[in-house]
Amino acid sequence: MTLMETSMVETESTASLKVLVIEDDNEMASFIEKVLADAGHKVERVADGASGLARARASEFDALIVDRMLPEKDGLTLLQEFRAAGGTTPALFLSALGDVQNKVQGLRAGAEDYLAKPFAPAELAARVEALGRRQTSAEPPVTVLKAGDLEMNLLTRKVTRAGKKIDLQPREFRLLEYLMRHAGQVVTRTMLLEKVWDYNFDPQTNVIDVHISRLRAKIDKEFAEPLLQTVRGAGYRLQSQG
């Protein structure tokens, strides 16, 4: 097995999550556990689909990480049965089956996210943290996002920083909205391609770099404290405090 790049990146501290990892490959499960433990999360491991479904139903977790190909009960069936029984814990499929068709199957089975192997540790940690935040979805819808002195009104689509209006193009607005919803967290290029551009593949262009540069010029250039950071080897992070 070829494991993903093992260098970890420094991220801001986040709330500890309780994560259930359902993975039959012991080496892979140990690697996932280490990545999440290093990020401050608590991990429980199960090695087959039937036991994984039972644990997911019996205990409260903040996130599930599920392999597609599992003994006794495959990942798709596991998640479909979990959702049919009323299970709402956010789930991420982690699988070597990484083509678009398999991703679509996973999402339609009830997963909130899908990450193909091999993966970068920082990306796995960032996606799990994003899953953990979905647990607050039962609260009233958020209409105003804030990161330091940067504010976005989702109803009026007005963006200001320190009271000064910032004009954004539609794609810039969508990009900033995603970054603000994940303020203080590392957001990878793959996450941006999937969530902002709706790509399930890397188009091998500099589209992200161009938009990040334009956005940075608008929200940071005239202010003493930059909010939008590049995290080398991982992606980007919008500071939650100015």
C-alpha atoms as a PDB file:
ATOM      1  CA  MET A   1       0.000   0.000   0.000  1.00  0.00           C
ATOM      2  CA  THR A   2       1.267   3.425  -0.916  1.00  0.00           C
ATOM      3  CA  LEU A   3       0.528   5.772   1.931  1.00  0.00           C
ATOM      4  CA  MET A   4      -0.150   9.411   1.316  1.00  0.00           C
ATOM      5  CA  GLU A   5       2.357  12.130   1.960  1.00  0.00           C
ATOM      6  CA  THR A   6       3.139  11.969   5.644  1.00  0.00           C
ATOM      7  CA  SER A   7       4.155  15.551   6.330  1.00  0.00           C
ATOM      8  CA  MET A   8       1.653  17.283   8.561  1.00  0.00           C
ATOM      9  CA  VAL A   9       0.967  20.996   8.530  1.00  0.00           C
ATOM     10  CA  GLU A  10       0.388  23.213  11.510  1.00  0.00           C
ATOM     11  CA  THR A  11      -3.243  24.242  11.888  1.00  0.00           C
ATOM     12  CA  GLU A  12      -5.108  26.326  14.407  1.00  0.00           C
ATOM     13  CA  SER A  13      -6.581  24.405  17.325  1.00  0.00           C
ATOM     14  CA  THR A  14     -10.117  23.109  16.819  1.00  0.00           C
ATOM     15  CA  ALA A  15     -12.751  21.520  19.007  1.00  0.00           C
ATOM     16  CA  SER A  16     -12.074  17.857  19.644  1.00  0.00           C
ATOM     17  CA  LEU A  17     -14.365  15.558  17.659  1.00  0.00           C
ATOM     18  CA  LYS A  18     -15.357  11.964  18.338  1.00  0.00           C
ATOM     19  CA  VAL A  19     -14.811  10.075  15.084  1.00  0.00           C
ATOM     20  CA  LEU A  20     -15.743   6.504  14.149  1.00  0.00           C
ATOM     21  CA  VAL A  21     -13.387   5.016  11.548  1.00  0.00           C
ATOM     22  CA  ILE A  22     -14.768   1.987   9.706  1.00  0.00           C
ATOM     23  CA  GLU A  23     -11.794   0.556   7.803  1.00  0.00           C
ATOM     24  CA  ASP A  24     -10.685  -3.076   7.424  1.00  0.00           C
ATOM     25  CA  ASP A  25      -7.075  -2.323   6.424  1.00  0.00           C
ATOM     26  CA  ASN A  26      -5.243  -2.166   9.748  1.00  0.00           C
ATOM     27  CA  GLU A  27      -2.322  -0.118   8.410  1.00  0.00           C
ATOM     28  CA  MET A  28      -4.650   2.420   6.808  1.00  0.00           C
ATOM     29  CA  ALA A  29      -6.859   2.579   9.918  1.00  0.00           C
ATOM     30  CA  SER A  30      -3.796   3.217  12.089  1.00  0.00           C
ATOM     31  CA  PHE A  31      -2.646   5.969   9.758  1.00  0.00           C
ATOM     32  CA  ILE A  32      -6.071   7.658   9.799  1.00  0.00           C
ATOM     33  CA  GLU A  33      -6.173   7.391  13.582  1.00  0.00           C
ATOM     34  CA  LYS A  34      -2.762   9.055  13.873  1.00  0.00           C
ATOM     35  CA  VAL A  35      -3.730  11.893  11.520  1.00  0.00           C
ATOM     36  CA  LEU A  36      -6.894  12.625  13.491  1.00  0.00           C
ATOM     37  CA  ALA A  37      -5.286  12.149  16.899  1.00  0.00           C
ATOM     38  CA  ASP A  38      -2.549  14.598  15.919  1.00  0.00           C
ATOM     39  CA  ALA A  39      -5.333  17.062  15.075  1.00  0.00           C
ATOM     40  CA  GLY A  40      -6.761  16.618  18.584  1.00  0.00           C
ATOM     41  CA  HIS A  41      -9.655  14.276  17.824  1.00  0.00           C
ATOM     42  CA  LYS A  42     -10.761  11.068  19.553  1.00  0.00           C
ATOM     43  CA  VAL A  43     -10.939   8.015  17.311  1.00  0.00           C
ATOM     44  CA  GLU A  44     -12.706   4.674  17.596  1.00  0.00           C
ATOM     45  CA  ARG A  45     -11.940   1.991  15.010  1.00  0.00           C
ATOM     46  CA  VAL A  46     -14.064  -0.834  13.621  1.00  0.00           C
ATOM     47  CA  ALA A  47     -12.861  -3.297  10.976  1.00  0.00           C
ATOM     48  CA  ASP A  48     -16.069  -4.499   9.268  1.00  0.00           C
ATOM     49  CA  GLY A  49     -19.334  -3.048   7.999  1.00  0.00           C
ATOM     50  CA  ALA A  50     -21.711  -4.889  10.291  1.00  0.00           C
ATOM     51  CA  SER A  51     -19.839  -3.872  13.438  1.00  0.00           C
ATOM     52  CA  GLY A  52     -19.457  -0.351  12.087  1.00  0.00           C
ATOM     53  CA  LEU A  53     -23.195   0.034  11.581  1.00  0.00           C
ATOM     54  CA  ALA A  54     -23.858  -1.290  15.076  1.00  0.00           C
ATOM     55  CA  ARG A  55     -21.377   1.156  16.657  1.00  0.00           C
ATOM     56  CA  ALA A  56     -22.680   4.102  14.631  1.00  0.00           C
ATOM     57  CA  ARG A  57     -26.188   3.348  15.885  1.00  0.00           C
ATOM     58  CA  ALA A  58     -25.211   2.615  19.481  1.00  0.00           C
ATOM     59  CA  SER A  59     -23.073   5.658  20.254  1.00  0.00           C
ATOM     60  CA  GLU A  60     -22.967   9.342  19.401  1.00  0.00           C
ATOM     61  CA  PHE A  61     -20.168  10.411  17.074  1.00  0.00           C
ATOM     62  CA  ASP A  62     -19.381  13.760  15.505  1.00  0.00           C
ATOM     63  CA  ALA A  63     -18.274  12.178  12.227  1.00  0.00           C
ATOM     64  CA  LEU A  64     -17.995   8.831  10.455  1.00  0.00           C
ATOM     65  CA  ILE A  65     -15.183   7.801   8.114  1.00  0.00           C
ATOM     66  CA  VAL A  66     -16.272   4.828   6.031  1.00  0.00           C
ATOM     67  CA  ASP A  67     -14.345   2.690   3.554  1.00  0.00           C
ATOM     68  CA  ARG A  68     -16.313   1.562   0.490  1.00  0.00           C
ATOM     69  CA  MET A  69     -15.092  -2.030   0.385  1.00  0.00           C
ATOM     70  CA  LEU A  70     -15.689  -3.651   3.766  1.00  0.00           C
ATOM     71  CA  PRO A  71     -16.203  -7.270   4.874  1.00  0.00           C
ATOM     72  CA  GLU A  72     -19.669  -8.420   6.046  1.00  0.00           C
ATOM     73  CA  LYS A  73     -21.393  -5.234   4.844  1.00  0.00           C
ATOM     74  CA  ASP A  74     -20.065  -2.837   2.196  1.00  0.00           C
ATOM     75  CA  GLY A  75     -19.811   0.876   2.906  1.00  0.00           C
ATOM     76  CA  LEU A  76     -22.670   1.935   0.643  1.00  0.00           C
ATOM     77  CA  THR A  77     -25.104  -0.501   2.246  1.00  0.00           C
ATOM     78  CA  LEU A  78     -23.889   0.449   5.712  1.00  0.00           C
ATOM     79  CA  LEU A  79     -24.560   4.135   5.186  1.00  0.00           C
ATOM     80  CA  GLN A  80     -27.865   3.594   3.400  1.00  0.00           C
ATOM     81  CA  GLU A  81     -29.143   1.481   6.308  1.00  0.00           C
ATOM     82  CA  PHE A  82     -27.814   4.010   8.831  1.00  0.00           C
ATOM     83  CA  ARG A  83     -29.647   6.866   7.117  1.00  0.00           C
ATOM     84  CA  ALA A  84     -32.819   4.787   6.678  1.00  0.00           C
ATOM     85  CA  ALA A  85     -32.842   4.163  10.436  1.00  0.00           C
ATOM     86  CA  GLY A  86     -32.663   7.912  11.099  1.00  0.00           C
ATOM     87  CA  GLY A  87     -28.902   8.260  11.609  1.00  0.00           C
ATOM     88  CA  THR A  88     -27.770  11.833  11.007  1.00  0.00           C
ATOM     89  CA  THR A  89     -24.049  11.739  11.855  1.00  0.00           C
ATOM     90  CA  PRO A  90     -22.082  13.370   9.003  1.00  0.00           C
ATOM     91  CA  ALA A  91     -20.117  10.815   7.010  1.00  0.00           C
ATOM     92  CA  LEU A  92     -17.114  10.809   4.712  1.00  0.00           C
ATOM     93  CA  PHE A  93     -16.309   7.973   2.333  1.00  0.00           C
ATOM     94  CA  LEU A  94     -12.575   7.296   2.147  1.00  0.00           C
ATOM     95  CA  SER A  95     -11.896   4.938  -0.722  1.00  0.00           C
ATOM     96  CA  ALA A  96      -9.548   3.883  -3.507  1.00  0.00           C
ATOM     97  CA  LEU A  97     -12.619   4.037  -5.764  1.00  0.00           C
ATOM     98  CA  GLY A  98     -12.116   7.653  -6.702  1.00  0.00           C
ATOM     99  CA  ASP A  99     -13.749   8.154 -10.116  1.00  0.00           C
ATOM    100  CA  VAL A 100     -16.739  10.444 -10.557  1.00  0.00           C
ATOM    101  CA  GLN A 101     -19.304   7.619 -10.758  1.00  0.00           C
ATOM    102  CA  ASN A 102     -18.185   6.135  -7.443  1.00  0.00           C
ATOM    103  CA  LYS A 103     -18.191   9.557  -5.792  1.00  0.00           C
ATOM    104  CA  VAL A 104     -21.753  10.141  -6.999  1.00  0.00           C
ATOM    105  CA  GLN A 105     -22.819   6.747  -5.636  1.00  0.00           C
ATOM    106  CA  GLY A 106     -21.280   7.563  -2.269  1.00  0.00           C
ATOM    107  CA  LEU A 107     -22.939  10.947  -1.991  1.00  0.00           C
ATOM    108  CA  ARG A 108     -26.312   9.543  -3.047  1.00  0.00           C
ATOM    109  CA  ALA A 109     -25.961   6.816  -0.420  1.00  0.00           C
ATOM    110  CA  GLY A 110     -25.968   9.542   2.219  1.00  0.00           C
ATOM    111  CA  ALA A 111     -22.380  10.715   2.612  1.00  0.00           C
ATOM    112  CA  GLU A 112     -21.651  14.405   3.022  1.00  0.00           C
ATOM    113  CA  ASP A 113     -18.172  14.083   1.541  1.00  0.00           C
ATOM    114  CA  TYR A 114     -15.961  11.691  -0.423  1.00  0.00           C
ATOM    115  CA  LEU A 115     -12.166  11.582  -0.424  1.00  0.00           C
ATOM    116  CA  ALA A 116     -10.164   9.305  -2.690  1.00  0.00           C
ATOM    117  CA  LYS A 117      -7.043   7.432  -1.604  1.00  0.00           C
ATOM    118  CA  PRO A 118      -4.229   8.352  -1.592  1.00  0.00           C
ATOM    119  CA  PHE A 119      -4.876  11.576   0.292  1.00  0.00           C
ATOM    120  CA  ALA A 120      -2.924  14.302   2.055  1.00  0.00           C
ATOM    121  CA  PRO A 121      -3.192  14.165   5.871  1.00  0.00           C
ATOM    122  CA  ALA A 122      -3.985  17.884   6.066  1.00  0.00           C
ATOM    123  CA  GLU A 123      -6.894  17.445   3.667  1.00  0.00           C
ATOM    124  CA  LEU A 124      -8.376  14.571   5.653  1.00  0.00           C
ATOM    125  CA  ALA A 125      -8.128  16.599   8.870  1.00  0.00           C
ATOM    126  CA  ALA A 126      -9.724  19.644   7.218  1.00  0.00           C
ATOM    127  CA  ARG A 127     -12.601  17.617   5.782  1.00  0.00           C
ATOM    128  CA  VAL A 128     -13.305  15.907   9.112  1.00  0.00           C
ATOM    129  CA  GLU A 129     -13.376  19.274  10.856  1.00  0.00           C
ATOM    130  CA  ALA A 130     -15.859  20.466   8.218  1.00  0.00           C
ATOM    131  CA  LEU A 131     -18.031  17.415   8.931  1.00  0.00           C
ATOM    132  CA  GLY A 132     -17.969  18.213  12.636  1.00  0.00           C
ATOM    133  CA  ARG A 133     -19.381  21.654  11.976  1.00  0.00           C
ATOM    134  CA  ARG A 134     -22.356  20.108  10.184  1.00  0.00           C
ATOM    135  CA  GLN A 135     -23.605  18.908  13.559  1.00  0.00           C
ATOM    136  CA  THR A 136     -24.816  22.447  14.238  1.00  0.00           C
ATOM    137  CA  SER A 137     -27.052  22.400  11.138  1.00  0.00           C
ATOM    138  CA  ALA A 138     -30.181  22.028  13.296  1.00  0.00           C
ATOM    139  CA  GLU A 139     -29.670  25.574  14.533  1.00  0.00           C
ATOM    140  CA  PRO A 140     -31.408  28.505  12.785  1.00  0.00           C
ATOM    141  CA  PRO A 141     -29.889  29.276   9.367  1.00  0.00           C
ATOM    142  CA  VAL A 142     -26.978  31.686   9.449  1.00  0.00           C
ATOM    143  CA  THR A 143     -27.626  34.878   7.487  1.00  0.00           C
ATOM    144  CA  VAL A 144     -24.510  36.852   8.441  1.00  0.00           C
ATOM    145  CA  LEU A 145     -20.960  35.482   8.398  1.00  0.00           C
ATOM    146  CA  LYS A 146     -18.123  37.193  10.274  1.00  0.00           C
ATOM    147  CA  ALA A 147     -14.347  36.753  10.341  1.00  0.00           C
ATOM    148  CA  GLY A 148     -12.639  39.447  12.350  1.00  0.00           C
ATOM    149  CA  ASP A 149     -13.868  42.781  10.961  1.00  0.00           C
ATOM    150  CA  LEU A 150     -14.962  41.122   7.700  1.00  0.00           C
ATOM    151  CA  GLU A 151     -18.729  40.661   7.411  1.00  0.00           C
ATOM    152  CA  MET A 152     -20.920  39.017   4.757  1.00  0.00           C
ATOM    153  CA  ASN A 153     -24.708  39.302   4.662  1.00  0.00           C
ATOM    154  CA  LEU A 154     -26.027  36.273   2.790  1.00  0.00           C
ATOM    155  CA  LEU A 155     -29.469  37.826   2.265  1.00  0.00           C
ATOM    156  CA  THR A 156     -28.402  41.172   0.835  1.00  0.00           C
ATOM    157  CA  ARG A 157     -25.117  39.769  -0.542  1.00  0.00           C
ATOM    158  CA  LYS A 158     -23.330  42.753   0.950  1.00  0.00           C
ATOM    159  CA  VAL A 159     -19.702  42.363   2.053  1.00  0.00           C
ATOM    160  CA  THR A 160     -17.899  44.863   4.261  1.00  0.00           C
ATOM    161  CA  ARG A 161     -14.631  45.077   6.120  1.00  0.00           C
ATOM    162  CA  ALA A 162     -14.332  47.560   8.963  1.00  0.00           C
ATOM    163  CA  GLY A 163     -17.543  49.095   7.628  1.00  0.00           C
ATOM    164  CA  LYS A 164     -16.163  49.601   4.102  1.00  0.00           C
ATOM    165  CA  LYS A 165     -18.175  48.007   1.289  1.00  0.00           C
ATOM    166  CA  ILE A 166     -16.373  45.426  -0.856  1.00  0.00           C
ATOM    167  CA  ASP A 167     -17.694  44.668  -4.337  1.00  0.00           C
ATOM    168  CA  LEU A 168     -17.315  41.048  -5.425  1.00  0.00           C
ATOM    169  CA  GLN A 169     -18.056  39.127  -8.585  1.00  0.00           C
ATOM    170  CA  PRO A 170     -20.407  36.109  -8.161  1.00  0.00           C
ATOM    171  CA  ARG A 171     -17.573  33.544  -8.098  1.00  0.00           C
ATOM    172  CA  GLU A 172     -15.555  35.699  -5.696  1.00  0.00           C
ATOM    173  CA  PHE A 173     -18.574  35.932  -3.418  1.00  0.00           C
ATOM    174  CA  ARG A 174     -19.023  32.158  -3.468  1.00  0.00           C
ATOM    175  CA  LEU A 175     -15.332  31.625  -2.777  1.00  0.00           C
ATOM    176  CA  LEU A 176     -15.333  34.063   0.139  1.00  0.00           C
ATOM    177  CA  GLU A 177     -18.536  32.565   1.534  1.00  0.00           C
ATOM    178  CA  TYR A 178     -16.926  29.115   1.608  1.00  0.00           C
ATOM    179  CA  LEU A 179     -13.786  30.475   3.255  1.00  0.00           C
ATOM    180  CA  MET A 180     -15.826  32.381   5.848  1.00  0.00           C
ATOM    181  CA  ARG A 181     -17.923  29.311   6.665  1.00  0.00           C
ATOM    182  CA  HIS A 182     -14.622  27.577   7.387  1.00  0.00           C
ATOM    183  CA  ALA A 183     -12.861  30.540   8.991  1.00  0.00           C
ATOM    184  CA  GLY A 184      -9.839  29.524  11.037  1.00  0.00           C
ATOM    185  CA  GLN A 185      -9.600  26.181   9.218  1.00  0.00           C
ATOM    186  CA  VAL A 186      -7.342  25.020   6.418  1.00  0.00           C
ATOM    187  CA  VAL A 187      -9.271  24.670   3.156  1.00  0.00           C
ATOM    188  CA  THR A 188      -7.556  22.611   0.472  1.00  0.00           C
ATOM    189  CA  ARG A 189      -7.511  23.281  -3.253  1.00  0.00           C
ATOM    190  CA  THR A 190      -9.491  20.087  -3.844  1.00  0.00           C
ATOM    191  CA  MET A 191     -12.202  21.268  -1.450  1.00  0.00           C
ATOM    192  CA  LEU A 192     -12.426  24.596  -3.284  1.00  0.00           C
ATOM    193  CA  LEU A 193     -12.640  22.914  -6.686  1.00  0.00           C
ATOM    194  CA  GLU A 194     -15.460  20.672  -5.463  1.00  0.00           C
ATOM    195  CA  LYS A 195     -17.451  23.165  -3.393  1.00  0.00           C
ATOM    196  CA  VAL A 196     -16.916  26.463  -5.230  1.00  0.00           C
ATOM    197  CA  TRP A 197     -16.396  25.338  -8.839  1.00  0.00           C
ATOM    198  CA  ASP A 198     -18.364  22.063  -8.685  1.00  0.00           C
ATOM    199  CA  TYR A 199     -15.424  20.134 -10.169  1.00  0.00           C
ATOM    200  CA  ASN A 200     -14.858  16.509  -9.219  1.00  0.00           C
ATOM    201  CA  PHE A 201     -11.449  16.600 -10.877  1.00  0.00           C
ATOM    202  CA  ASP A 202      -8.463  18.909 -11.060  1.00  0.00           C
ATOM    203  CA  PRO A 203      -8.653  20.881 -14.334  1.00  0.00           C
ATOM    204  CA  GLN A 204      -4.909  21.590 -14.063  1.00  0.00           C
ATOM    205  CA  THR A 205      -5.379  25.347 -14.386  1.00  0.00           C
ATOM    206  CA  ASN A 206      -4.546  28.295 -12.160  1.00  0.00           C
ATOM    207  CA  VAL A 207      -8.203  29.234 -11.703  1.00  0.00           C
ATOM    208  CA  ILE A 208      -7.953  29.025  -7.905  1.00  0.00           C
ATOM    209  CA  ASP A 209      -4.746  31.079  -7.771  1.00  0.00           C
ATOM    210  CA  VAL A 210      -6.295  33.803  -9.930  1.00  0.00           C
ATOM    211  CA  HIS A 211      -9.441  34.085  -7.820  1.00  0.00           C
ATOM    212  CA  ILE A 212      -7.556  33.937  -4.523  1.00  0.00           C
ATOM    213  CA  SER A 213      -5.296  36.734  -5.754  1.00  0.00           C
ATOM    214  CA  ARG A 214      -8.276  38.877  -6.770  1.00  0.00           C
ATOM    215  CA  LEU A 215     -10.074  38.190  -3.517  1.00  0.00           C
ATOM    216  CA  ARG A 216      -6.987  38.963  -1.439  1.00  0.00           C
ATOM    217  CA  ALA A 217      -6.589  42.286  -3.257  1.00  0.00           C
ATOM    218  CA  LYS A 218     -10.147  43.217  -2.353  1.00  0.00           C
ATOM    219  CA  ILE A 219     -10.352  42.133   1.280  1.00  0.00           C
ATOM    220  CA  ASP A 220      -6.738  42.626   2.429  1.00  0.00           C
ATOM    221  CA  LYS A 221      -4.889  45.169   0.290  1.00  0.00           C
ATOM    222  CA  GLU A 222      -6.096  48.327   2.034  1.00  0.00           C
ATOM    223  CA  PHE A 223      -5.993  46.911   5.549  1.00  0.00           C
ATOM    224  CA  ALA A 224      -3.115  46.528   7.990  1.00  0.00           C
ATOM    225  CA  GLU A 225      -3.986  42.981   9.080  1.00  0.00           C
ATOM    226  CA  PRO A 226      -4.270  40.394   6.257  1.00  0.00           C
ATOM    227  CA  LEU A 227      -6.991  37.794   6.748  1.00  0.00           C
ATOM    228  CA  LEU A 228      -6.464  35.421   3.818  1.00  0.00           C
ATOM    229  CA  GLN A 229      -3.428  33.197   4.324  1.00  0.00           C
ATOM    230  CA  THR A 230      -1.726  30.625   2.137  1.00  0.00           C
ATOM    231  CA  VAL A 231      -0.793  27.496   4.090  1.00  0.00           C
ATOM    232  CA  ARG A 232       2.141  25.968   2.258  1.00  0.00           C
ATOM    233  CA  GLY A 233       1.530  22.414   1.133  1.00  0.00           C
ATOM    234  CA  ALA A 234      -2.085  22.442   2.293  1.00  0.00           C
ATOM    235  CA  GLY A 235      -4.249  25.251   0.925  1.00  0.00           C
ATOM    236  CA  TYR A 236      -5.701  28.434   2.365  1.00  0.00           C
ATOM    237  CA  ARG A 237      -7.035  29.728   5.653  1.00  0.00           C
ATOM    238  CA  LEU A 238      -9.152  32.776   6.417  1.00  0.00           C
ATOM    239  CA  GLN A 239      -8.253  34.158   9.822  1.00  0.00           C
ATOM    240  CA  SER A 240     -11.228  34.121  12.175  1.00  0.00           C
ATOM    241  CA  GLN A 241      -9.818  37.100  14.059  1.00  0.00           C
ATOM    242  CA  GLY A 242      -8.497  40.249  12.438  1.00  0.00           C
END
